[in-house]
C-alpha atoms as a PDB file:
ATOM      1  CA  UNK A   1     -86.722 272.498  20.918  1.00  0.00           C
ATOM      2  CA  UNK A   2     -86.612 271.037  17.552  1.00  0.00           C
ATOM      3  CA  UNK A   3     -84.597 272.460  14.818  1.00  0.00           C
ATOM      4  CA  UNK A   4     -84.580 271.077  11.326  1.00  0.00           C
ATOM      5  CA  UNK A   5     -84.614 272.536   7.956  1.00  0.00           C
ATOM      6  CA  UNK A   6     -87.551 271.264   6.159  1.00  0.00           C
ATOM      7  CA  UNK A   7     -86.143 269.527   3.193  1.00  0.00           C
ATOM      8  CA  UNK A   8     -84.251 267.105   5.928  1.00  0.00           C
ATOM      9  CA  UNK A   9     -87.254 265.818   6.794  1.00  0.00           C
ATOM     10  CA  UNK A  10     -88.071 262.521   5.057  1.00  0.00           C
ATOM     11  CA  UNK A  11     -91.014 262.761   2.349  1.00  0.00           C
ATOM     12  CA  UNK A  12     -94.121 260.293   2.827  1.00  0.00           C
ATOM     13  CA  UNK A  13     -95.946 259.798  -0.784  1.00  0.00           C
ATOM     14  CA  UNK A  14     -99.583 260.787  -0.387  1.00  0.00           C
ATOM     15  CA  UNK A  15    -101.611 257.822  -0.844  1.00  0.00           C
ATOM     16  CA  UNK A  16    -105.247 258.928   0.229  1.00  0.00           C
ATOM     17  CA  UNK A  17    -107.908 258.282  -2.423  1.00  0.00           C
ATOM     18  CA  UNK A  18    -107.751 261.159  -4.897  1.00  0.00           C
ATOM     19  CA  UNK A  19    -104.286 262.521  -4.387  1.00  0.00           C
ATOM     20  CA  UNK A  20    -101.991 262.790  -7.324  1.00  0.00           C
ATOM     21  CA  UNK A  21     -98.418 263.513  -7.512  1.00  0.00           C
ATOM     22  CA  UNK A  22     -98.058 264.612  -3.873  1.00  0.00           C
ATOM     23  CA  UNK A  23     -95.825 264.094  -0.959  1.00  0.00           C
ATOM     24  CA  UNK A  24     -96.297 265.481   2.489  1.00  0.00           C
ATOM     25  CA  UNK A  25     -93.324 265.948   5.093  1.00  0.00           C
ATOM     26  CA  UNK A  26     -94.316 265.775   8.608  1.00  0.00           C
ATOM     27  CA  UNK A  27     -92.201 268.625  10.204  1.00  0.00           C
ATOM     28  CA  UNK A  28     -93.725 269.325  13.854  1.00  0.00           C
ATOM     29  CA  UNK A  29     -96.509 266.429  15.377  1.00  0.00           C
ATOM     30  CA  UNK A  30     -97.363 264.764  18.297  1.00  0.00           C
ATOM     31  CA  UNK A  31     -94.232 262.833  18.507  1.00  0.00           C
ATOM     32  CA  UNK A  32     -92.121 266.201  18.932  1.00  0.00           C
ATOM     33  CA  UNK A  33     -94.736 267.183  21.953  1.00  0.00           C
ATOM     34  CA  UNK A  34     -97.092 269.033  20.070  1.00  0.00           C
ATOM     35  CA  UNK A  35    -100.368 267.733  21.372  1.00  0.00           C
ATOM     36  CA  UNK A  36    -102.791 270.409  19.234  1.00  0.00           C
ATOM     37  CA  UNK A  37    -100.529 271.251  16.308  1.00  0.00           C
ATOM     38  CA  UNK A  38     -99.213 269.733  12.896  1.00  0.00           C
ATOM     39  CA  UNK A  39     -96.868 271.510  10.662  1.00  0.00           C
ATOM     40  CA  UNK A  40     -96.887 269.964   7.601  1.00  0.00           C
ATOM     41  CA  UNK A  41     -95.189 270.751   3.683  1.00  0.00           C
ATOM     42  CA  UNK A  42     -96.905 269.452   1.204  1.00  0.00           C
ATOM     43  CA  UNK A  43     -94.950 269.465  -2.349  1.00  0.00           C
ATOM     44  CA  UNK A  44     -97.437 268.832  -5.249  1.00  0.00           C
ATOM     45  CA  UNK A  45     -95.937 267.998  -8.658  1.00  0.00           C
ATOM     46  CA  UNK A  46     -97.575 270.012 -11.688  1.00  0.00           C
ATOM     47  CA  UNK A  47    -100.771 268.337 -12.489  1.00  0.00           C
ATOM     48  CA  UNK A  48    -100.921 266.720  -9.439  1.00  0.00           C
ATOM     49  CA  UNK A  49    -103.697 267.152  -6.503  1.00  0.00           C
ATOM     50  CA  UNK A  50    -104.110 267.059  -2.825  1.00  0.00           C
ATOM     51  CA  UNK A  51    -106.967 264.398  -1.965  1.00  0.00           C
ATOM     52  CA  UNK A  52    -110.463 265.817  -1.654  1.00  0.00           C
ATOM     53  CA  UNK A  53    -111.421 265.630   2.051  1.00  0.00           C
ATOM     54  CA  UNK A  54    -113.119 267.433   4.881  1.00  0.00           C
ATOM     55  CA  UNK A  55    -112.731 266.818   8.891  1.00  0.00           C
ATOM     56  CA  UNK A  56    -114.001 268.354  11.653  1.00  0.00           C
ATOM     57  CA  UNK A  57    -110.981 270.604  12.519  1.00  0.00           C
ATOM     58  CA  UNK A  58    -109.997 273.875  10.591  1.00  0.00           C
ATOM     59  CA  UNK A  59    -107.323 274.002   8.193  1.00  0.00           C
ATOM     60  CA  UNK A  60    -104.957 276.783   7.238  1.00  0.00           C
ATOM     61  CA  UNK A  61    -102.475 277.235   4.045  1.00  0.00           C
ATOM     62  CA  UNK A  62     -99.938 279.028   3.434  1.00  0.00           C
ATOM     63  CA  UNK A  63     -98.201 278.555  -0.600  1.00  0.00           C
ATOM     64  CA  UNK A  64     -94.381 278.495  -0.327  1.00  0.00           C
ATOM     65  CA  UNK A  65     -93.536 278.443  -3.982  1.00  0.00           C
ATOM     66  CA  UNK A  66     -95.474 277.215  -7.059  1.00  0.00           C
ATOM     67  CA  UNK A  67     -99.329 278.495  -8.842  1.00  0.00           C
ATOM     68  CA  UNK A  68    -102.649 276.220  -8.961  1.00  0.00           C
ATOM     69  CA  UNK A  69    -106.169 276.407  -7.535  1.00  0.00           C
ATOM     70  CA  UNK A  70    -107.340 275.945  -4.171  1.00  0.00           C
ATOM     71  CA  UNK A  71    -110.869 274.525  -3.863  1.00  0.00           C
ATOM     72  CA  UNK A  72    -112.573 274.762  -0.651  1.00  0.00           C
ATOM     73  CA  UNK A  73    -116.493 273.640  -0.856  1.00  0.00           C
ATOM     74  CA  UNK A  74    -118.134 274.648  -4.035  1.00  0.00           C
ATOM     75  CA  UNK A  75    -115.275 277.928  -4.281  1.00  0.00           C
ATOM     76  CA  UNK A  76    -111.877 278.022  -6.435  1.00  0.00           C
ATOM     77  CA  UNK A  77    -109.142 280.679  -5.946  1.00  0.00           C
ATOM     78  CA  UNK A  78    -105.980 281.021  -7.682  1.00  0.00           C
ATOM     79  CA  UNK A  79    -103.222 280.623  -5.750  1.00  0.00           C
ATOM     80  CA  UNK A  80     -99.492 282.010  -6.141  1.00  0.00           C
ATOM     81  CA  UNK A  81     -96.529 282.073  -3.139  1.00  0.00           C
ATOM     82  CA  UNK A  82     -97.469 284.028  -0.786  1.00  0.00           C
ATOM     83  CA  UNK A  83    -101.380 283.208  -0.816  1.00  0.00           C
ATOM     84  CA  UNK A  84    -103.276 281.893   2.725  1.00  0.00           C
ATOM     85  CA  UNK A  85    -106.197 279.857   2.868  1.00  0.00           C
ATOM     86  CA  UNK A  86    -108.317 279.433   5.677  1.00  0.00           C
ATOM     87  CA  UNK A  87    -110.950 276.423   5.623  1.00  0.00           C
ATOM     88  CA  UNK A  88    -113.505 275.908   8.209  1.00  0.00           C
ATOM     89  CA  UNK A  89    -114.174 272.690   9.903  1.00  0.00           C
ATOM     90  CA  UNK A  90    -115.994 270.379   7.701  1.00  0.00           C
ATOM     91  CA  UNK A  91    -115.443 271.860   4.863  1.00  0.00           C
ATOM     92  CA  UNK A  92    -114.023 269.930   1.315  1.00  0.00           C
ATOM     93  CA  UNK A  93    -110.920 271.113   0.274  1.00  0.00           C
ATOM     94  CA  UNK A  94    -107.997 270.378  -1.759  1.00  0.00           C
ATOM     95  CA  UNK A  95    -105.354 271.928  -3.935  1.00  0.00           C
ATOM     96  CA  UNK A  96    -104.466 271.681  -7.879  1.00  0.00           C
ATOM     97  CA  UNK A  97    -101.514 272.269  -8.765  1.00  0.00           C
ATOM     98  CA  UNK A  98    -100.525 273.908 -12.092  1.00  0.00           C
ATOM     99  CA  UNK A  99     -96.850 274.101 -11.807  1.00  0.00           C
ATOM    100  CA  UNK A 100     -94.883 272.580  -8.655  1.00  0.00           C
ATOM    101  CA  UNK A 101     -96.121 273.688  -5.525  1.00  0.00           C
ATOM    102  CA  UNK A 102     -94.806 273.737  -1.665  1.00  0.00           C
ATOM    103  CA  UNK A 103     -97.751 274.443   0.442  1.00  0.00           C
ATOM    104  CA  UNK A 104     -97.387 274.360   4.314  1.00  0.00           C
END
């Protein structure tokens, strides 16, 4: 069993093309014995964004705090704490923060 507070996990700067003012904490990964699941927490500063990207697997997001815009394909949605987004495989997506956000 792994038990930590997510803020105790060292943040890493997201340096993919298009990412701005974003750090990621890798909470649960294959290093923890999870071959099919990754739990990550993104912190996006106001005015920042995650990289626009797509991949062949689905992606789920849960907004812990802050507000912003979720972009999935050609759709944009306002985001606030408690919101959940499902992004199907191969759909371009990113999150833009209008105020500091934390997103799982």
